[in-house]
Amino acid sequence: MKEIKLGGKYGVGCVALVDDEDFEKVNKFKWRAIKDRKTYYVIRTKYVNGKKRKISMHRFIMNTPRKLEVDHIDNNGLNNQKYNMRNCTHAQNMMNINKGKMKGVTFKKSHNKYVYWCAQIRVNGKNKHLGLFPHTDEGKVAAAKAYDNAAKQYFGEFANFNNL
């Protein structure tokens, strides 16, 4: 593994990780970090016919076809080692999102009072109800486990599980 120093507003003191075999190919260019929501990614700018075009390091390394995206398995956009990336569809990429909370678990209220936990999963644009669980710590864990089981079934290798 090698490190590529990054520039730009968010890149000061940051590095991108790449495989040894990709270092020479990638290090020929000036790369900078950008922030997209809560994740940092690495890009460079290229001019084509006088127009600015952004090139992502992860797409460059993975030679990603236009209609596909790159999924960073560990959700770290600065880790551009091949073991951590895979080409995928947009839907598959969304399966691996980690919002920092219990995935698939929400509160359900009745008369402004929390009554139970609800587990659900979104598959092919539709929500699937997985069950209702008591509004206790054990109920929240049970709802998260219900989501994890469904994620494994529906998303396979792209599933992003709760940290229980």
N, C-alpha and C. Protein backbone atom coordinates (compact mmCIF):
# COMPACT_ATOMS: atom_id res chain seq x y z
N MET A 1 0.84 -1.17 0.00
CA MET A 1 0.00 0.00 0.00
C MET A 1 0.89 1.24 0.00
N LYS A 2 0.47 2.24 -0.79
CA LYS A 2 1.20 3.51 -0.87
C LYS A 2 0.23 4.65 -0.57
N GLU A 3 0.78 5.80 -0.21
CA GLU A 3 -0.01 6.98 0.08
C GLU A 3 0.21 8.04 -0.99
N ILE A 4 -0.87 8.70 -1.38
CA ILE A 4 -0.83 9.82 -2.32
C ILE A 4 -1.22 11.07 -1.53
N LYS A 5 -0.34 12.09 -1.48
CA LYS A 5 -0.65 13.33 -0.79
C LYS A 5 -1.70 14.10 -1.57
N LEU A 6 -2.63 14.68 -0.83
CA LEU A 6 -3.75 15.38 -1.46
C LEU A 6 -3.68 16.88 -1.21
N GLY A 7 -4.19 17.63 -2.16
CA GLY A 7 -4.28 19.07 -2.02
C GLY A 7 -5.74 19.47 -1.90
N GLY A 8 -6.00 20.74 -2.05
CA GLY A 8 -7.37 21.24 -2.00
C GLY A 8 -7.78 21.63 -0.60
N LYS A 9 -8.94 22.23 -0.50
CA LYS A 9 -9.49 22.73 0.76
C LYS A 9 -9.56 21.64 1.83
N TYR A 10 -9.99 20.44 1.46
CA TYR A 10 -10.15 19.36 2.42
C TYR A 10 -8.95 18.41 2.47
N GLY A 11 -8.00 18.58 1.59
CA GLY A 11 -6.91 17.63 1.47
C GLY A 11 -5.68 17.93 2.29
N VAL A 12 -5.63 19.08 2.95
CA VAL A 12 -4.44 19.45 3.69
C VAL A 12 -4.16 18.41 4.77
N GLY A 13 -2.99 17.79 4.66
CA GLY A 13 -2.60 16.77 5.63
C GLY A 13 -3.23 15.41 5.40
N CYS A 14 -4.03 15.27 4.34
CA CYS A 14 -4.71 14.00 4.06
C CYS A 14 -3.95 13.24 2.98
N VAL A 15 -4.16 11.93 2.99
CA VAL A 15 -3.60 11.07 1.96
C VAL A 15 -4.67 10.11 1.46
N ALA A 16 -4.50 9.67 0.24
CA ALA A 16 -5.33 8.60 -0.32
C ALA A 16 -4.48 7.34 -0.32
N LEU A 17 -5.11 6.23 -0.04
CA LEU A 17 -4.41 4.94 -0.04
C LEU A 17 -4.65 4.24 -1.37
N VAL A 18 -3.56 3.74 -1.99
CA VAL A 18 -3.67 3.00 -3.25
C VAL A 18 -2.77 1.77 -3.17
N ASP A 19 -3.05 0.81 -4.02
CA ASP A 19 -2.20 -0.38 -4.10
C ASP A 19 -0.86 -0.01 -4.72
N ASP A 20 0.18 -0.75 -4.36
CA ASP A 20 1.52 -0.51 -4.91
C ASP A 20 1.50 -0.52 -6.44
N GLU A 21 0.74 -1.45 -7.02
CA GLU A 21 0.69 -1.59 -8.48
C GLU A 21 0.04 -0.39 -9.18
N ASP A 22 -0.75 0.40 -8.46
CA ASP A 22 -1.43 1.55 -9.06
C ASP A 22 -0.71 2.87 -8.78
N PHE A 23 0.28 2.85 -7.91
CA PHE A 23 0.92 4.08 -7.46
C PHE A 23 1.49 4.90 -8.61
N GLU A 24 2.28 4.29 -9.49
CA GLU A 24 2.92 5.04 -10.59
C GLU A 24 1.88 5.67 -11.51
N LYS A 25 0.84 4.91 -11.84
CA LYS A 25 -0.22 5.40 -12.73
C LYS A 25 -0.95 6.59 -12.11
N VAL A 26 -1.22 6.51 -10.82
CA VAL A 26 -2.01 7.53 -10.13
C VAL A 26 -1.15 8.75 -9.75
N ASN A 27 0.08 8.52 -9.38
CA ASN A 27 0.95 9.59 -8.87
C ASN A 27 1.40 10.57 -9.96
N LYS A 28 1.08 10.31 -11.21
CA LYS A 28 1.43 11.23 -12.31
C LYS A 28 0.59 12.51 -12.27
N PHE A 29 -0.50 12.49 -11.50
CA PHE A 29 -1.46 13.59 -11.50
C PHE A 29 -1.53 14.26 -10.13
N LYS A 30 -2.07 15.49 -10.12
CA LYS A 30 -2.33 16.21 -8.88
C LYS A 30 -3.74 15.88 -8.44
N TRP A 31 -3.88 15.34 -7.24
CA TRP A 31 -5.19 14.94 -6.72
C TRP A 31 -5.57 15.83 -5.56
N ARG A 32 -6.87 16.01 -5.36
CA ARG A 32 -7.36 16.78 -4.22
C ARG A 32 -8.56 16.08 -3.61
N ALA A 33 -8.78 16.36 -2.34
CA ALA A 33 -9.93 15.78 -1.64
C ALA A 33 -11.12 16.71 -1.77
N ILE A 34 -12.28 16.12 -1.94
CA ILE A 34 -13.54 16.88 -1.92
C ILE A 34 -14.46 16.19 -0.91
N LYS A 35 -15.41 16.95 -0.41
CA LYS A 35 -16.36 16.39 0.56
C LYS A 35 -17.72 16.27 -0.11
N ASP A 36 -18.30 15.09 -0.02
CA ASP A 36 -19.64 14.84 -0.54
C ASP A 36 -20.46 14.30 0.61
N ARG A 37 -21.34 15.11 1.15
CA ARG A 37 -22.08 14.80 2.36
C ARG A 37 -21.09 14.57 3.50
N LYS A 38 -21.00 13.34 4.03
CA LYS A 38 -20.09 13.08 5.15
C LYS A 38 -18.84 12.32 4.72
N THR A 39 -18.68 12.09 3.44
CA THR A 39 -17.56 11.29 2.95
C THR A 39 -16.62 12.14 2.10
N TYR A 40 -15.33 11.85 2.21
CA TYR A 40 -14.33 12.51 1.37
C TYR A 40 -13.96 11.60 0.22
N TYR A 41 -13.77 12.19 -0.97
CA TYR A 41 -13.35 11.46 -2.16
C TYR A 41 -12.15 12.17 -2.77
N VAL A 42 -11.50 11.51 -3.71
CA VAL A 42 -10.30 12.07 -4.34
C VAL A 42 -10.59 12.29 -5.82
N ILE A 43 -10.32 13.52 -6.28
CA ILE A 43 -10.55 13.84 -7.69
C ILE A 43 -9.37 14.64 -8.25
N ARG A 44 -9.36 14.73 -9.57
CA ARG A 44 -8.46 15.65 -10.26
C ARG A 44 -9.30 16.30 -11.36
N THR A 45 -8.80 17.39 -11.90
CA THR A 45 -9.50 18.10 -12.96
C THR A 45 -8.76 17.90 -14.27
N LYS A 46 -9.54 17.66 -15.30
CA LYS A 46 -8.99 17.47 -16.64
C LYS A 46 -9.78 18.38 -17.58
N TYR A 47 -9.10 18.98 -18.54
CA TYR A 47 -9.79 19.82 -19.51
C TYR A 47 -9.97 19.04 -20.81
N VAL A 48 -11.21 18.95 -21.27
CA VAL A 48 -11.52 18.29 -22.53
C VAL A 48 -12.26 19.30 -23.39
N ASN A 49 -11.68 19.64 -24.54
CA ASN A 49 -12.26 20.64 -25.45
C ASN A 49 -12.57 21.94 -24.72
N GLY A 50 -11.66 22.36 -23.85
CA GLY A 50 -11.82 23.62 -23.13
C GLY A 50 -12.79 23.57 -21.96
N LYS A 51 -13.36 22.41 -21.68
CA LYS A 51 -14.31 22.29 -20.57
C LYS A 51 -13.68 21.49 -19.44
N LYS A 52 -13.96 21.93 -18.20
CA LYS A 52 -13.47 21.25 -17.01
C LYS A 52 -14.22 19.94 -16.81
N ARG A 53 -13.47 18.89 -16.49
CA ARG A 53 -14.09 17.59 -16.22
C ARG A 53 -13.42 16.99 -14.99
N LYS A 54 -14.22 16.52 -14.04
CA LYS A 54 -13.69 15.89 -12.84
C LYS A 54 -13.45 14.41 -13.09
N ILE A 55 -12.30 13.94 -12.66
CA ILE A 55 -11.95 12.53 -12.75
C ILE A 55 -11.78 12.02 -11.32
N SER A 56 -12.55 11.03 -10.93
CA SER A 56 -12.44 10.44 -9.59
C SER A 56 -11.34 9.39 -9.59
N MET A 57 -10.53 9.40 -8.54
CA MET A 57 -9.46 8.42 -8.44
C MET A 57 -10.01 7.00 -8.43
N HIS A 58 -11.09 6.78 -7.70
CA HIS A 58 -11.63 5.42 -7.61
C HIS A 58 -12.12 4.91 -8.97
N ARG A 59 -12.75 5.78 -9.77
CA ARG A 59 -13.20 5.37 -11.10
C ARG A 59 -12.00 5.15 -12.03
N PHE A 60 -10.98 5.99 -11.87
CA PHE A 60 -9.76 5.88 -12.67
C PHE A 60 -9.06 4.55 -12.41
N ILE A 61 -8.91 4.18 -11.14
CA ILE A 61 -8.25 2.94 -10.78
C ILE A 61 -9.06 1.72 -11.23
N MET A 62 -10.38 1.77 -11.02
CA MET A 62 -11.24 0.62 -11.31
C MET A 62 -11.69 0.56 -12.77
N ASN A 63 -11.33 1.60 -13.56
CA ASN A 63 -11.75 1.66 -14.96
C ASN A 63 -13.27 1.40 -15.07
N THR A 64 -14.02 2.15 -14.30
CA THR A 64 -15.45 1.95 -14.17
C THR A 64 -16.21 2.41 -15.42
N PRO A 65 -17.04 1.53 -15.99
CA PRO A 65 -17.88 1.93 -17.13
C PRO A 65 -18.83 3.06 -16.75
N ARG A 66 -19.24 3.86 -17.72
CA ARG A 66 -20.08 5.05 -17.49
C ARG A 66 -21.34 4.77 -16.67
N LYS A 67 -22.02 3.67 -16.94
CA LYS A 67 -23.31 3.42 -16.29
C LYS A 67 -23.18 2.80 -14.90
N LEU A 68 -21.96 2.56 -14.46
CA LEU A 68 -21.75 1.96 -13.14
C LEU A 68 -21.11 2.96 -12.18
N GLU A 69 -21.11 2.60 -10.91
CA GLU A 69 -20.49 3.41 -9.87
C GLU A 69 -19.46 2.54 -9.14
N VAL A 70 -18.68 3.17 -8.27
CA VAL A 70 -17.72 2.43 -7.44
C VAL A 70 -18.22 2.48 -6.01
N ASP A 71 -18.31 1.32 -5.38
CA ASP A 71 -18.69 1.20 -3.98
C ASP A 71 -17.42 1.02 -3.16
N HIS A 72 -17.21 1.90 -2.18
CA HIS A 72 -16.13 1.73 -1.21
C HIS A 72 -16.69 0.87 -0.09
N ILE A 73 -16.23 -0.34 0.03
CA ILE A 73 -16.79 -1.31 0.96
C ILE A 73 -16.76 -0.80 2.39
N ASP A 74 -15.66 -0.13 2.79
CA ASP A 74 -15.56 0.37 4.16
C ASP A 74 -16.11 1.79 4.31
N ASN A 75 -16.74 2.32 3.28
CA ASN A 75 -17.33 3.66 3.26
C ASN A 75 -16.30 4.77 3.43
N ASN A 76 -15.03 4.48 3.17
CA ASN A 76 -13.96 5.48 3.25
C ASN A 76 -13.51 5.81 1.83
N GLY A 77 -13.93 6.98 1.33
CA GLY A 77 -13.61 7.38 -0.03
C GLY A 77 -12.15 7.69 -0.28
N LEU A 78 -11.34 7.73 0.78
CA LEU A 78 -9.90 7.95 0.62
C LEU A 78 -9.13 6.64 0.53
N ASN A 79 -9.80 5.53 0.80
CA ASN A 79 -9.18 4.21 0.71
C ASN A 79 -9.46 3.63 -0.67
N ASN A 80 -8.56 3.88 -1.60
CA ASN A 80 -8.75 3.46 -2.99
C ASN A 80 -7.90 2.25 -3.35
N GLN A 81 -7.81 1.32 -2.42
CA GLN A 81 -7.17 0.04 -2.70
C GLN A 81 -8.21 -0.89 -3.31
N LYS A 82 -7.80 -1.71 -4.24
CA LYS A 82 -8.76 -2.53 -4.99
C LYS A 82 -9.57 -3.48 -4.11
N TYR A 83 -8.98 -3.98 -3.02
CA TYR A 83 -9.74 -4.89 -2.16
C TYR A 83 -10.95 -4.18 -1.55
N ASN A 84 -10.91 -2.84 -1.49
CA ASN A 84 -11.95 -2.05 -0.84
C ASN A 84 -12.96 -1.46 -1.83
N MET A 85 -12.80 -1.75 -3.11
CA MET A 85 -13.70 -1.15 -4.11
C MET A 85 -14.28 -2.22 -5.01
N ARG A 86 -15.47 -1.92 -5.52
CA ARG A 86 -16.11 -2.80 -6.49
C ARG A 86 -17.02 -1.96 -7.38
N ASN A 87 -17.04 -2.29 -8.68
CA ASN A 87 -17.97 -1.64 -9.60
C ASN A 87 -19.36 -2.20 -9.32
N CYS A 88 -20.35 -1.32 -9.38
CA CYS A 88 -21.72 -1.75 -9.06
C CYS A 88 -22.72 -0.78 -9.67
N THR A 89 -23.99 -1.15 -9.58
CA THR A 89 -25.05 -0.25 -10.02
C THR A 89 -25.31 0.78 -8.91
N HIS A 90 -26.09 1.79 -9.22
CA HIS A 90 -26.44 2.80 -8.23
C HIS A 90 -27.21 2.15 -7.08
N ALA A 91 -28.15 1.27 -7.40
CA ALA A 91 -28.94 0.60 -6.37
C ALA A 91 -28.05 -0.21 -5.43
N GLN A 92 -27.08 -0.93 -5.98
CA GLN A 92 -26.17 -1.70 -5.14
C GLN A 92 -25.33 -0.77 -4.26
N ASN A 93 -24.91 0.35 -4.80
CA ASN A 93 -24.11 1.30 -4.03
C ASN A 93 -24.92 1.84 -2.85
N MET A 94 -26.20 2.08 -3.05
CA MET A 94 -27.06 2.60 -1.98
C MET A 94 -27.28 1.57 -0.87
N MET A 95 -27.10 0.30 -1.17
CA MET A 95 -27.27 -0.74 -0.16
C MET A 95 -26.19 -0.66 0.91
N ASN A 96 -25.06 -0.08 0.58
CA ASN A 96 -23.91 -0.05 1.48
C ASN A 96 -23.74 1.30 2.17
N ILE A 97 -24.79 2.09 2.22
CA ILE A 97 -24.72 3.40 2.88
C ILE A 97 -24.78 3.19 4.39
N ASN A 98 -23.95 3.94 5.10
CA ASN A 98 -23.97 3.89 6.56
C ASN A 98 -24.22 5.29 7.06
N LYS A 99 -25.39 5.54 7.62
CA LYS A 99 -25.75 6.87 8.09
C LYS A 99 -25.39 7.09 9.55
N GLY A 100 -24.69 6.14 10.15
CA GLY A 100 -24.24 6.32 11.53
C GLY A 100 -25.30 6.04 12.57
N LYS A 101 -26.40 5.43 12.21
CA LYS A 101 -27.42 5.05 13.18
C LYS A 101 -27.86 3.63 12.86
N MET A 102 -28.78 3.11 13.62
CA MET A 102 -29.27 1.76 13.36
C MET A 102 -29.99 1.74 12.01
N LYS A 103 -29.48 0.95 11.09
CA LYS A 103 -30.09 0.87 9.77
C LYS A 103 -31.40 0.10 9.86
N GLY A 104 -32.42 0.64 9.22
CA GLY A 104 -33.70 -0.04 9.12
C GLY A 104 -34.54 0.00 10.38
N VAL A 105 -34.16 0.80 11.37
CA VAL A 105 -34.88 0.85 12.64
C VAL A 105 -35.37 2.27 12.89
N THR A 106 -36.67 2.42 13.15
CA THR A 106 -37.25 3.73 13.43
C THR A 106 -38.19 3.64 14.63
N PHE A 107 -38.47 4.80 15.23
CA PHE A 107 -39.46 4.89 16.29
C PHE A 107 -40.85 4.91 15.68
N LYS A 108 -41.81 4.36 16.36
CA LYS A 108 -43.21 4.55 16.00
C LYS A 108 -43.89 5.17 17.21
N LYS A 109 -44.63 6.25 16.98
CA LYS A 109 -45.26 6.99 18.06
C LYS A 109 -46.77 6.78 18.05
N SER A 110 -47.34 6.92 19.24
CA SER A 110 -48.78 6.96 19.38
C SER A 110 -49.07 8.04 20.40
N HIS A 111 -49.79 9.08 20.02
CA HIS A 111 -50.13 10.20 20.91
C HIS A 111 -48.86 10.80 21.53
N ASN A 112 -47.85 11.07 20.69
CA ASN A 112 -46.59 11.68 21.09
C ASN A 112 -45.80 10.86 22.12
N LYS A 113 -46.09 9.59 22.22
CA LYS A 113 -45.36 8.71 23.12
C LYS A 113 -44.76 7.58 22.30
N TYR A 114 -43.45 7.30 22.53
CA TYR A 114 -42.82 6.21 21.81
C TYR A 114 -43.39 4.89 22.30
N VAL A 115 -43.87 4.08 21.37
CA VAL A 115 -44.53 2.83 21.74
C VAL A 115 -43.70 1.62 21.33
N TYR A 116 -43.09 1.66 20.15
CA TYR A 116 -42.34 0.49 19.69
C TYR A 116 -41.34 0.87 18.61
N TRP A 117 -40.44 -0.07 18.35
CA TRP A 117 -39.48 0.05 17.27
C TRP A 117 -40.05 -0.64 16.04
N CYS A 118 -39.80 -0.07 14.89
CA CYS A 118 -40.25 -0.66 13.63
C CYS A 118 -39.02 -0.99 12.78
N ALA A 119 -38.98 -2.21 12.26
CA ALA A 119 -37.88 -2.61 11.37
C ALA A 119 -38.42 -2.66 9.95
N GLN A 120 -37.67 -2.08 9.02
CA GLN A 120 -38.06 -2.11 7.61
C GLN A 120 -36.83 -2.03 6.73
N ILE A 121 -36.99 -2.41 5.49
CA ILE A 121 -35.89 -2.38 4.53
C ILE A 121 -36.45 -1.91 3.19
N ARG A 122 -35.66 -1.17 2.44
CA ARG A 122 -36.09 -0.68 1.12
C ARG A 122 -35.44 -1.55 0.05
N VAL A 123 -36.29 -2.20 -0.76
CA VAL A 123 -35.83 -3.09 -1.82
C VAL A 123 -36.53 -2.70 -3.11
N ASN A 124 -35.74 -2.45 -4.15
CA ASN A 124 -36.29 -2.06 -5.46
C ASN A 124 -37.27 -0.89 -5.35
N GLY A 125 -36.93 0.09 -4.52
CA GLY A 125 -37.74 1.29 -4.39
C GLY A 125 -38.97 1.15 -3.52
N LYS A 126 -39.16 0.01 -2.87
CA LYS A 126 -40.35 -0.20 -2.03
C LYS A 126 -39.93 -0.62 -0.63
N ASN A 127 -40.62 -0.05 0.37
CA ASN A 127 -40.36 -0.43 1.75
C ASN A 127 -41.01 -1.76 2.07
N LYS A 128 -40.26 -2.63 2.75
CA LYS A 128 -40.79 -3.91 3.22
C LYS A 128 -40.79 -3.87 4.74
N HIS A 129 -41.95 -4.09 5.31
CA HIS A 129 -42.12 -4.09 6.76
C HIS A 129 -41.56 -5.40 7.32
N LEU A 130 -40.69 -5.32 8.33
CA LEU A 130 -40.05 -6.51 8.90
C LEU A 130 -40.57 -6.85 10.29
N GLY A 131 -41.29 -5.94 10.93
CA GLY A 131 -41.84 -6.25 12.24
C GLY A 131 -41.80 -5.07 13.19
N LEU A 132 -42.57 -5.22 14.28
CA LEU A 132 -42.62 -4.24 15.36
C LEU A 132 -42.03 -4.87 16.61
N PHE A 133 -41.28 -4.07 17.38
CA PHE A 133 -40.56 -4.59 18.53
C PHE A 133 -40.77 -3.65 19.72
N PRO A 134 -40.75 -4.18 20.95
CA PRO A 134 -40.99 -3.34 22.13
C PRO A 134 -40.01 -2.17 22.20
N HIS A 135 -40.46 -1.05 22.77
CA HIS A 135 -39.62 0.13 22.89
C HIS A 135 -38.69 -0.01 24.10
N THR A 136 -37.78 -0.97 23.95
CA THR A 136 -36.75 -1.24 24.96
C THR A 136 -35.43 -1.38 24.21
N ASP A 137 -34.33 -1.43 24.97
CA ASP A 137 -33.04 -1.66 24.33
C ASP A 137 -33.01 -3.01 23.62
N GLU A 138 -33.61 -4.02 24.25
CA GLU A 138 -33.66 -5.36 23.64
C GLU A 138 -34.49 -5.34 22.36
N GLY A 139 -35.58 -4.57 22.38
CA GLY A 139 -36.43 -4.45 21.20
C GLY A 139 -35.71 -3.78 20.04
N LYS A 140 -34.90 -2.76 20.38
CA LYS A 140 -34.14 -2.06 19.35
C LYS A 140 -33.12 -3.00 18.71
N VAL A 141 -32.45 -3.80 19.52
CA VAL A 141 -31.48 -4.78 19.01
C VAL A 141 -32.18 -5.83 18.16
N ALA A 142 -33.34 -6.28 18.59
CA ALA A 142 -34.10 -7.28 17.82
C ALA A 142 -34.52 -6.71 16.46
N ALA A 143 -34.93 -5.43 16.44
CA ALA A 143 -35.31 -4.78 15.18
C ALA A 143 -34.09 -4.68 14.26
N ALA A 144 -32.94 -4.33 14.82
CA ALA A 144 -31.71 -4.22 14.03
C ALA A 144 -31.32 -5.59 13.46
N LYS A 145 -31.48 -6.65 14.25
CA LYS A 145 -31.16 -7.99 13.77
C LYS A 145 -32.12 -8.41 12.65
N ALA A 146 -33.38 -8.00 12.76
CA ALA A 146 -34.35 -8.30 11.70
C ALA A 146 -33.92 -7.62 10.40
N TYR A 147 -33.46 -6.36 10.51
CA TYR A 147 -32.97 -5.66 9.34
C TYR A 147 -31.74 -6.37 8.76
N ASP A 148 -30.79 -6.73 9.63
CA ASP A 148 -29.55 -7.38 9.17
C ASP A 148 -29.85 -8.67 8.42
N ASN A 149 -30.79 -9.46 8.93
CA ASN A 149 -31.16 -10.72 8.25
C ASN A 149 -31.76 -10.45 6.88
N ALA A 150 -32.62 -9.44 6.80
CA ALA A 150 -33.23 -9.09 5.52
C ALA A 150 -32.18 -8.51 4.56
N ALA A 151 -31.26 -7.71 5.08
CA ALA A 151 -30.20 -7.12 4.23
C ALA A 151 -29.34 -8.22 3.63
N LYS A 152 -29.02 -9.22 4.42
CA LYS A 152 -28.23 -10.35 3.91
C LYS A 152 -28.99 -11.06 2.79
N GLN A 153 -30.29 -11.25 3.00
CA GLN A 153 -31.12 -11.94 2.01
C GLN A 153 -31.26 -11.13 0.72
N TYR A 154 -31.55 -9.84 0.83
CA TYR A 154 -31.83 -9.03 -0.35
C TYR A 154 -30.59 -8.42 -1.00
N PHE A 155 -29.58 -8.05 -0.21
CA PHE A 155 -28.45 -7.31 -0.73
C PHE A 155 -27.18 -8.13 -0.88
N GLY A 156 -27.12 -9.30 -0.28
CA GLY A 156 -25.96 -10.18 -0.41
C GLY A 156 -24.67 -9.48 -0.01
N GLU A 157 -23.67 -9.52 -0.89
CA GLU A 157 -22.35 -8.97 -0.57
C GLU A 157 -22.36 -7.45 -0.38
N PHE A 158 -23.42 -6.76 -0.81
CA PHE A 158 -23.49 -5.30 -0.66
C PHE A 158 -24.16 -4.89 0.65
N ALA A 159 -24.62 -5.84 1.43
CA ALA A 159 -25.30 -5.53 2.67
C ALA A 159 -24.38 -4.79 3.63
N ASN A 160 -24.93 -3.79 4.31
CA ASN A 160 -24.20 -3.05 5.34
C ASN A 160 -24.96 -3.28 6.64
N PHE A 161 -24.36 -4.01 7.56
CA PHE A 161 -25.04 -4.43 8.77
C PHE A 161 -24.89 -3.42 9.90
N ASN A 162 -25.80 -3.53 10.86
CA ASN A 162 -25.70 -2.73 12.07
C ASN A 162 -24.55 -3.25 12.93
N ASN A 163 -23.93 -2.36 13.68
CA ASN A 163 -22.85 -2.76 14.60
C ASN A 163 -23.47 -3.11 15.93
N LEU A 164 -23.73 -4.37 16.13
CA LEU A 164 -24.38 -4.80 17.38
C LEU A 164 -23.36 -5.38 18.34
